[in-house]
Amino acid sequence: MISRALERAIAPGTTLLLDSSVLIAHVRGDERISEHATHVVDEMVRSGRNRAIVCAVSAMEVLVEPRRRDPKVYRELLDFFEHFPNLRTEPVDLEIARRAAELRADLGFATPDALIIATGLVREVGCVVTNDGEWARELKPLKPTIPVCRLSSFLE
């Protein structure tokens, strides 16, 4: 059963940035956080309780393995990124690239993480949903900071 704490941690109406780790767990369904990831995607986003954005870098990361192994799943995931209700895939534009460069230079983030986080910052999301245990700590120096919801912290 999904922890009620997860729903309390993410207020209705909050726009979410879904990190690659959440999307991969949702697609694979075999990770410890998969149930929570699927709840966020299928119950919170699909229903319109929360809107969500995905950085194009995350979409790319999710698509790599299906592209190699299963053309049908690959096409289904492309459809997911293009048509899933209340979910928008954001391209990396110059504003996001500039902000990502600042995150790399100032806080030492790896390029993919910097681009994903910068997407959330530039698009002014209310919460980053991830399973990266370091992001909350690493983002604290930002002013203003961005709330991080780490799904594994809701495992029973």
N, C-alpha and C. Protein backbone atom coordinates (compact mmCIF):
# COMPACT_ATOMS: atom_id res chain seq x y z
N MET A 1 0.84 -1.19 0.00
CA MET A 1 0.00 0.00 0.00
C MET A 1 0.89 1.25 0.00
N ILE A 2 0.48 2.23 -0.77
CA ILE A 2 1.25 3.46 -0.89
C ILE A 2 1.16 4.26 0.40
N SER A 3 2.29 4.76 0.82
CA SER A 3 2.36 5.57 2.02
C SER A 3 1.54 6.84 1.85
N ARG A 4 0.70 7.13 2.83
CA ARG A 4 -0.06 8.38 2.82
C ARG A 4 0.89 9.57 2.96
N ALA A 5 2.04 9.33 3.53
CA ALA A 5 3.03 10.40 3.68
C ALA A 5 3.47 10.94 2.33
N LEU A 6 3.52 10.08 1.32
CA LEU A 6 3.90 10.52 -0.03
C LEU A 6 2.88 11.53 -0.55
N GLU A 7 1.61 11.24 -0.39
CA GLU A 7 0.58 12.18 -0.85
C GLU A 7 0.57 13.45 -0.02
N ARG A 8 0.92 13.36 1.25
CA ARG A 8 1.01 14.58 2.07
C ARG A 8 2.23 15.41 1.69
N ALA A 9 3.29 14.75 1.25
CA ALA A 9 4.53 15.46 0.91
C ALA A 9 4.42 16.24 -0.39
N ILE A 10 3.53 15.80 -1.26
CA ILE A 10 3.35 16.46 -2.56
C ILE A 10 1.94 17.04 -2.58
N ALA A 11 1.86 18.33 -2.38
CA ALA A 11 0.55 18.98 -2.30
C ALA A 11 -0.16 18.95 -3.65
N PRO A 12 -1.48 18.79 -3.62
CA PRO A 12 -2.24 18.89 -4.86
C PRO A 12 -1.98 20.23 -5.53
N GLY A 13 -1.90 20.21 -6.85
CA GLY A 13 -1.66 21.44 -7.60
C GLY A 13 -0.20 21.80 -7.80
N THR A 14 0.70 21.12 -7.08
CA THR A 14 2.13 21.37 -7.23
C THR A 14 2.61 20.80 -8.56
N THR A 15 3.33 21.60 -9.32
CA THR A 15 3.93 21.10 -10.56
C THR A 15 5.20 20.35 -10.20
N LEU A 16 5.35 19.15 -10.74
CA LEU A 16 6.46 18.26 -10.42
C LEU A 16 7.45 18.18 -11.57
N LEU A 17 8.72 18.01 -11.22
CA LEU A 17 9.74 17.61 -12.18
C LEU A 17 10.01 16.14 -11.88
N LEU A 18 9.75 15.26 -12.84
CA LEU A 18 10.00 13.84 -12.66
C LEU A 18 11.39 13.52 -13.18
N ASP A 19 12.23 13.03 -12.30
CA ASP A 19 13.60 12.66 -12.64
C ASP A 19 13.63 11.31 -13.37
N SER A 20 14.72 11.06 -14.05
CA SER A 20 14.90 9.81 -14.79
C SER A 20 14.70 8.59 -13.89
N SER A 21 15.20 8.65 -12.66
CA SER A 21 15.10 7.49 -11.76
C SER A 21 13.65 7.11 -11.49
N VAL A 22 12.77 8.09 -11.40
CA VAL A 22 11.35 7.84 -11.17
C VAL A 22 10.72 7.21 -12.41
N LEU A 23 11.02 7.76 -13.56
CA LEU A 23 10.45 7.25 -14.80
C LEU A 23 10.94 5.84 -15.10
N ILE A 24 12.21 5.58 -14.87
CA ILE A 24 12.76 4.24 -15.11
C ILE A 24 12.11 3.23 -14.17
N ALA A 25 11.95 3.60 -12.90
CA ALA A 25 11.29 2.70 -11.94
C ALA A 25 9.84 2.44 -12.35
N HIS A 26 9.17 3.46 -12.84
CA HIS A 26 7.79 3.31 -13.29
C HIS A 26 7.72 2.35 -14.49
N VAL A 27 8.62 2.50 -15.44
CA VAL A 27 8.60 1.68 -16.65
C VAL A 27 8.99 0.24 -16.35
N ARG A 28 10.05 0.05 -15.59
CA ARG A 28 10.55 -1.30 -15.32
C ARG A 28 9.66 -2.05 -14.34
N GLY A 29 9.21 -1.37 -13.32
CA GLY A 29 8.35 -2.00 -12.33
C GLY A 29 9.04 -3.02 -11.45
N ASP A 30 10.37 -3.04 -11.43
CA ASP A 30 11.08 -4.06 -10.65
C ASP A 30 12.00 -3.47 -9.59
N GLU A 31 11.86 -2.21 -9.31
CA GLU A 31 12.72 -1.58 -8.32
C GLU A 31 11.94 -1.35 -7.04
N ARG A 32 12.65 -1.14 -5.95
CA ARG A 32 11.99 -0.94 -4.65
C ARG A 32 11.02 0.24 -4.68
N ILE A 33 11.33 1.25 -5.47
CA ILE A 33 10.47 2.44 -5.49
C ILE A 33 9.42 2.39 -6.59
N SER A 34 9.34 1.31 -7.34
CA SER A 34 8.44 1.25 -8.50
C SER A 34 6.99 1.53 -8.13
N GLU A 35 6.53 0.99 -7.03
CA GLU A 35 5.13 1.21 -6.63
C GLU A 35 4.87 2.69 -6.39
N HIS A 36 5.81 3.37 -5.74
CA HIS A 36 5.66 4.80 -5.48
C HIS A 36 5.76 5.60 -6.78
N ALA A 37 6.70 5.22 -7.64
CA ALA A 37 6.85 5.92 -8.91
C ALA A 37 5.58 5.79 -9.75
N THR A 38 5.02 4.60 -9.80
CA THR A 38 3.80 4.38 -10.56
C THR A 38 2.63 5.14 -9.94
N HIS A 39 2.59 5.22 -8.63
CA HIS A 39 1.53 6.00 -7.97
C HIS A 39 1.62 7.47 -8.37
N VAL A 40 2.82 8.02 -8.35
CA VAL A 40 2.99 9.43 -8.73
C VAL A 40 2.53 9.63 -10.17
N VAL A 41 3.00 8.79 -11.08
CA VAL A 41 2.67 8.95 -12.50
C VAL A 41 1.20 8.67 -12.78
N ASP A 42 0.72 7.51 -12.35
CA ASP A 42 -0.62 7.08 -12.74
C ASP A 42 -1.74 7.70 -11.91
N GLU A 43 -1.49 7.95 -10.65
CA GLU A 43 -2.55 8.48 -9.79
C GLU A 43 -2.48 10.00 -9.63
N MET A 44 -1.31 10.53 -9.46
CA MET A 44 -1.19 11.95 -9.17
C MET A 44 -1.13 12.79 -10.45
N VAL A 45 -0.36 12.35 -11.43
CA VAL A 45 -0.21 13.13 -12.67
C VAL A 45 -1.36 12.84 -13.64
N ARG A 46 -1.61 11.60 -13.94
CA ARG A 46 -2.67 11.26 -14.91
C ARG A 46 -4.00 11.90 -14.52
N SER A 47 -4.31 11.89 -13.24
CA SER A 47 -5.59 12.40 -12.76
C SER A 47 -5.69 13.92 -12.82
N GLY A 48 -4.54 14.59 -12.93
CA GLY A 48 -4.54 16.04 -12.92
C GLY A 48 -4.35 16.63 -11.54
N ARG A 49 -4.22 15.77 -10.52
CA ARG A 49 -3.93 16.27 -9.17
C ARG A 49 -2.67 17.13 -9.20
N ASN A 50 -1.69 16.66 -9.97
CA ASN A 50 -0.44 17.38 -10.17
C ASN A 50 -0.09 17.36 -11.64
N ARG A 51 0.45 18.44 -12.12
CA ARG A 51 1.04 18.47 -13.46
C ARG A 51 2.50 18.09 -13.29
N ALA A 52 3.11 17.61 -14.38
CA ALA A 52 4.51 17.22 -14.29
C ALA A 52 5.23 17.60 -15.58
N ILE A 53 6.52 17.87 -15.41
CA ILE A 53 7.38 18.05 -16.56
C ILE A 53 8.52 17.05 -16.48
N VAL A 54 9.06 16.74 -17.64
CA VAL A 54 10.19 15.84 -17.77
C VAL A 54 11.19 16.54 -18.67
N CYS A 55 12.44 16.58 -18.26
CA CYS A 55 13.49 17.12 -19.10
C CYS A 55 13.72 16.14 -20.27
N ALA A 56 13.99 16.67 -21.44
CA ALA A 56 14.27 15.82 -22.60
C ALA A 56 15.43 14.87 -22.32
N VAL A 57 16.35 15.26 -21.46
CA VAL A 57 17.47 14.38 -21.09
C VAL A 57 16.94 13.14 -20.37
N SER A 58 15.97 13.31 -19.49
CA SER A 58 15.37 12.16 -18.80
C SER A 58 14.64 11.27 -19.80
N ALA A 59 13.92 11.87 -20.72
CA ALA A 59 13.24 11.07 -21.75
C ALA A 59 14.26 10.23 -22.51
N MET A 60 15.37 10.84 -22.88
CA MET A 60 16.42 10.11 -23.59
C MET A 60 16.93 8.94 -22.75
N GLU A 61 17.18 9.18 -21.47
CA GLU A 61 17.70 8.12 -20.60
C GLU A 61 16.71 6.95 -20.49
N VAL A 62 15.43 7.26 -20.44
CA VAL A 62 14.41 6.22 -20.34
C VAL A 62 14.30 5.43 -21.65
N LEU A 63 14.52 6.07 -22.77
CA LEU A 63 14.33 5.45 -24.08
C LEU A 63 15.48 4.55 -24.53
N VAL A 64 16.66 4.70 -23.96
CA VAL A 64 17.83 3.98 -24.45
C VAL A 64 17.65 2.46 -24.40
N GLU A 65 17.34 1.91 -23.25
CA GLU A 65 17.24 0.45 -23.12
C GLU A 65 16.12 -0.12 -24.00
N PRO A 66 14.91 0.45 -23.99
CA PRO A 66 13.88 -0.09 -24.90
C PRO A 66 14.27 0.00 -26.37
N ARG A 67 14.99 1.05 -26.75
CA ARG A 67 15.44 1.17 -28.15
C ARG A 67 16.33 -0.02 -28.52
N ARG A 68 17.17 -0.43 -27.58
CA ARG A 68 18.08 -1.56 -27.83
C ARG A 68 17.37 -2.91 -27.83
N ARG A 69 16.32 -3.04 -27.02
CA ARG A 69 15.76 -4.36 -26.76
C ARG A 69 14.36 -4.64 -27.30
N ASP A 70 13.51 -3.62 -27.38
CA ASP A 70 12.11 -3.90 -27.68
C ASP A 70 11.46 -2.72 -28.42
N PRO A 71 11.39 -2.80 -29.76
CA PRO A 71 10.84 -1.70 -30.54
C PRO A 71 9.41 -1.32 -30.14
N LYS A 72 8.61 -2.31 -29.73
CA LYS A 72 7.22 -2.02 -29.32
C LYS A 72 7.21 -1.15 -28.06
N VAL A 73 7.98 -1.52 -27.07
CA VAL A 73 8.05 -0.73 -25.83
C VAL A 73 8.62 0.65 -26.13
N TYR A 74 9.60 0.71 -27.00
CA TYR A 74 10.18 2.00 -27.40
C TYR A 74 9.11 2.92 -27.97
N ARG A 75 8.29 2.41 -28.89
CA ARG A 75 7.21 3.22 -29.48
C ARG A 75 6.18 3.62 -28.43
N GLU A 76 5.87 2.70 -27.50
CA GLU A 76 4.92 3.03 -26.42
C GLU A 76 5.45 4.15 -25.53
N LEU A 77 6.74 4.11 -25.26
CA LEU A 77 7.33 5.16 -24.42
C LEU A 77 7.37 6.51 -25.15
N LEU A 78 7.65 6.49 -26.44
CA LEU A 78 7.57 7.73 -27.20
C LEU A 78 6.17 8.32 -27.11
N ASP A 79 5.17 7.46 -27.24
CA ASP A 79 3.78 7.90 -27.12
C ASP A 79 3.51 8.46 -25.72
N PHE A 80 4.05 7.80 -24.71
CA PHE A 80 3.91 8.28 -23.33
C PHE A 80 4.44 9.71 -23.20
N PHE A 81 5.64 9.94 -23.69
CA PHE A 81 6.24 11.27 -23.56
C PHE A 81 5.51 12.33 -24.39
N GLU A 82 4.88 11.91 -25.47
CA GLU A 82 4.17 12.86 -26.33
C GLU A 82 2.73 13.12 -25.89
N HIS A 83 2.07 12.13 -25.26
CA HIS A 83 0.62 12.24 -25.08
C HIS A 83 0.10 11.98 -23.67
N PHE A 84 0.95 11.64 -22.71
CA PHE A 84 0.44 11.33 -21.37
C PHE A 84 -0.23 12.57 -20.77
N PRO A 85 -1.41 12.40 -20.20
CA PRO A 85 -2.13 13.56 -19.64
C PRO A 85 -1.34 14.27 -18.54
N ASN A 86 -1.33 15.57 -18.60
CA ASN A 86 -0.74 16.43 -17.57
C ASN A 86 0.78 16.29 -17.45
N LEU A 87 1.41 15.75 -18.48
CA LEU A 87 2.87 15.58 -18.51
C LEU A 87 3.40 16.25 -19.76
N ARG A 88 4.44 17.05 -19.58
CA ARG A 88 5.04 17.76 -20.71
C ARG A 88 6.55 17.50 -20.71
N THR A 89 7.08 17.12 -21.86
CA THR A 89 8.52 16.95 -22.00
C THR A 89 9.11 18.28 -22.45
N GLU A 90 10.06 18.78 -21.68
CA GLU A 90 10.67 20.08 -21.94
C GLU A 90 11.98 19.94 -22.69
N PRO A 91 12.14 20.65 -23.80
CA PRO A 91 13.42 20.64 -24.50
C PRO A 91 14.47 21.45 -23.73
N VAL A 92 15.71 21.19 -24.01
CA VAL A 92 16.80 21.98 -23.41
C VAL A 92 17.03 23.19 -24.31
N ASP A 93 16.71 24.37 -23.78
CA ASP A 93 16.94 25.60 -24.53
C ASP A 93 18.13 26.34 -23.91
N LEU A 94 18.43 27.51 -24.43
CA LEU A 94 19.60 28.25 -23.95
C LEU A 94 19.46 28.65 -22.49
N GLU A 95 18.28 29.02 -22.05
CA GLU A 95 18.09 29.39 -20.65
C GLU A 95 18.38 28.21 -19.73
N ILE A 96 17.90 27.03 -20.10
CA ILE A 96 18.17 25.83 -19.31
C ILE A 96 19.65 25.48 -19.37
N ALA A 97 20.27 25.59 -20.54
CA ALA A 97 21.71 25.31 -20.68
C ALA A 97 22.53 26.26 -19.81
N ARG A 98 22.16 27.54 -19.78
CA ARG A 98 22.87 28.51 -18.94
C ARG A 98 22.76 28.14 -17.47
N ARG A 99 21.55 27.81 -17.03
CA ARG A 99 21.35 27.45 -15.62
C ARG A 99 22.08 26.16 -15.29
N ALA A 100 22.09 25.20 -16.22
CA ALA A 100 22.81 23.94 -16.01
C ALA A 100 24.31 24.20 -15.89
N ALA A 101 24.83 25.10 -16.69
CA ALA A 101 26.25 25.44 -16.61
C ALA A 101 26.58 26.01 -15.23
N GLU A 102 25.70 26.83 -14.70
CA GLU A 102 25.90 27.38 -13.35
C GLU A 102 25.91 26.27 -12.31
N LEU A 103 25.00 25.31 -12.44
CA LEU A 103 24.94 24.20 -11.49
C LEU A 103 26.21 23.35 -11.56
N ARG A 104 26.70 23.13 -12.78
CA ARG A 104 27.96 22.37 -12.93
C ARG A 104 29.13 23.14 -12.34
N ALA A 105 29.23 24.43 -12.67
CA ALA A 105 30.37 25.24 -12.24
C ALA A 105 30.33 25.50 -10.73
N ASP A 106 29.15 25.81 -10.21
CA ASP A 106 29.05 26.23 -8.80
C ASP A 106 28.89 25.07 -7.83
N LEU A 107 28.18 24.02 -8.24
CA LEU A 107 27.87 22.93 -7.31
C LEU A 107 28.42 21.57 -7.75
N GLY A 108 29.02 21.50 -8.94
CA GLY A 108 29.68 20.28 -9.37
C GLY A 108 28.77 19.17 -9.87
N PHE A 109 27.56 19.49 -10.27
CA PHE A 109 26.66 18.46 -10.79
C PHE A 109 27.18 17.91 -12.11
N ALA A 110 26.94 16.63 -12.34
CA ALA A 110 27.22 16.02 -13.64
C ALA A 110 26.28 16.64 -14.68
N THR A 111 26.69 16.63 -15.93
CA THR A 111 25.92 17.28 -16.98
C THR A 111 24.46 16.82 -17.04
N PRO A 112 24.16 15.51 -17.08
CA PRO A 112 22.75 15.12 -17.15
C PRO A 112 21.93 15.65 -15.96
N ASP A 113 22.48 15.50 -14.76
CA ASP A 113 21.77 15.98 -13.57
C ASP A 113 21.59 17.49 -13.61
N ALA A 114 22.60 18.21 -14.03
CA ALA A 114 22.52 19.67 -14.11
C ALA A 114 21.42 20.08 -15.09
N LEU A 115 21.34 19.41 -16.23
CA LEU A 115 20.30 19.75 -17.21
C LEU A 115 18.90 19.43 -16.68
N ILE A 116 18.76 18.32 -16.00
CA ILE A 116 17.45 17.94 -15.45
C ILE A 116 17.03 18.93 -14.36
N ILE A 117 17.91 19.21 -13.43
CA ILE A 117 17.60 20.13 -12.34
C ILE A 117 17.35 21.53 -12.89
N ALA A 118 18.17 21.97 -13.83
CA ALA A 118 17.98 23.31 -14.42
C ALA A 118 16.62 23.42 -15.09
N THR A 119 16.15 22.35 -15.70
CA THR A 119 14.82 22.37 -16.31
C THR A 119 13.76 22.68 -15.25
N GLY A 120 13.87 22.04 -14.11
CA GLY A 120 12.92 22.29 -13.03
C GLY A 120 13.02 23.70 -12.49
N LEU A 121 14.23 24.20 -12.34
CA LEU A 121 14.43 25.56 -11.82
C LEU A 121 13.88 26.60 -12.79
N VAL A 122 14.23 26.47 -14.06
CA VAL A 122 13.80 27.45 -15.06
C VAL A 122 12.29 27.42 -15.24
N ARG A 123 11.71 26.24 -15.22
CA ARG A 123 10.26 26.12 -15.40
C ARG A 123 9.50 26.29 -14.09
N GLU A 124 10.24 26.57 -13.01
CA GLU A 124 9.68 26.91 -11.70
C GLU A 124 8.72 25.85 -11.16
N VAL A 125 9.17 24.60 -11.15
CA VAL A 125 8.37 23.54 -10.56
C VAL A 125 8.33 23.70 -9.05
N GLY A 126 7.35 23.08 -8.44
CA GLY A 126 7.21 23.16 -6.99
C GLY A 126 7.92 22.06 -6.25
N CYS A 127 8.31 20.99 -6.96
CA CYS A 127 8.94 19.85 -6.31
C CYS A 127 9.64 18.99 -7.35
N VAL A 128 10.82 18.50 -7.01
CA VAL A 128 11.54 17.53 -7.83
C VAL A 128 11.27 16.16 -7.22
N VAL A 129 10.77 15.23 -8.02
CA VAL A 129 10.54 13.87 -7.57
C VAL A 129 11.65 13.01 -8.15
N THR A 130 12.41 12.38 -7.27
CA THR A 130 13.60 11.64 -7.67
C THR A 130 13.81 10.48 -6.72
N ASN A 131 14.83 9.71 -6.99
CA ASN A 131 15.31 8.76 -6.00
C ASN A 131 16.79 8.99 -5.76
N ASP A 132 17.29 10.10 -6.22
CA ASP A 132 18.69 10.46 -5.97
C ASP A 132 18.81 10.98 -4.55
N GLY A 133 19.49 10.22 -3.72
CA GLY A 133 19.59 10.55 -2.30
C GLY A 133 20.41 11.79 -2.00
N GLU A 134 21.19 12.26 -2.95
CA GLU A 134 22.07 13.40 -2.70
C GLU A 134 21.47 14.74 -3.13
N TRP A 135 20.48 14.73 -3.99
CA TRP A 135 20.01 15.99 -4.56
C TRP A 135 19.52 16.98 -3.50
N ALA A 136 18.78 16.52 -2.51
CA ALA A 136 18.26 17.46 -1.50
C ALA A 136 19.41 18.18 -0.81
N ARG A 137 20.44 17.44 -0.43
CA ARG A 137 21.60 18.05 0.23
C ARG A 137 22.37 18.95 -0.72
N GLU A 138 22.59 18.49 -1.93
CA GLU A 138 23.39 19.23 -2.90
C GLU A 138 22.70 20.50 -3.38
N LEU A 139 21.38 20.53 -3.31
CA LEU A 139 20.64 21.72 -3.77
C LEU A 139 20.42 22.75 -2.68
N LYS A 140 20.73 22.43 -1.44
CA LYS A 140 20.51 23.37 -0.33
C LYS A 140 21.16 24.74 -0.54
N PRO A 141 22.36 24.82 -1.12
CA PRO A 141 22.96 26.15 -1.29
C PRO A 141 22.20 27.07 -2.24
N LEU A 142 21.31 26.52 -3.06
CA LEU A 142 20.55 27.35 -4.00
C LEU A 142 19.63 28.30 -3.25
N LYS A 143 19.55 29.50 -3.73
CA LYS A 143 18.62 30.49 -3.19
C LYS A 143 17.85 31.09 -4.35
N PRO A 144 16.56 30.85 -4.49
CA PRO A 144 15.78 29.95 -3.63
C PRO A 144 16.05 28.50 -4.01
N THR A 145 15.89 27.63 -3.04
CA THR A 145 16.11 26.21 -3.29
C THR A 145 14.84 25.60 -3.87
N ILE A 146 14.91 24.36 -4.19
CA ILE A 146 13.77 23.66 -4.77
C ILE A 146 13.52 22.42 -3.91
N PRO A 147 12.28 22.20 -3.47
CA PRO A 147 11.99 21.02 -2.65
C PRO A 147 12.25 19.73 -3.43
N VAL A 148 12.78 18.73 -2.73
CA VAL A 148 13.09 17.44 -3.34
C VAL A 148 12.31 16.37 -2.60
N CYS A 149 11.59 15.55 -3.34
CA CYS A 149 10.87 14.42 -2.78
C CYS A 149 11.57 13.14 -3.26
N ARG A 150 12.28 12.49 -2.34
CA ARG A 150 13.00 11.26 -2.68
C ARG A 150 12.11 10.07 -2.36
N LEU A 151 11.73 9.33 -3.39
CA LEU A 151 10.73 8.26 -3.20
C LEU A 151 11.14 7.18 -2.22
N SER A 152 12.41 6.84 -2.17
CA SER A 152 12.81 5.76 -1.25
C SER A 152 12.64 6.15 0.21
N SER A 153 12.51 7.44 0.48
CA SER A 153 12.28 7.85 1.88
C SER A 153 10.85 7.51 2.33
N PHE A 154 9.99 7.08 1.41
CA PHE A 154 8.62 6.72 1.75
C PHE A 154 8.39 5.22 1.78
N LEU A 155 9.46 4.44 1.65
CA LEU A 155 9.32 2.98 1.75
C LEU A 155 9.06 2.60 3.19
N GLU A 156 8.19 1.64 3.36
CA GLU A 156 7.84 1.21 4.73
C GLU A 156 8.82 0.20 5.24
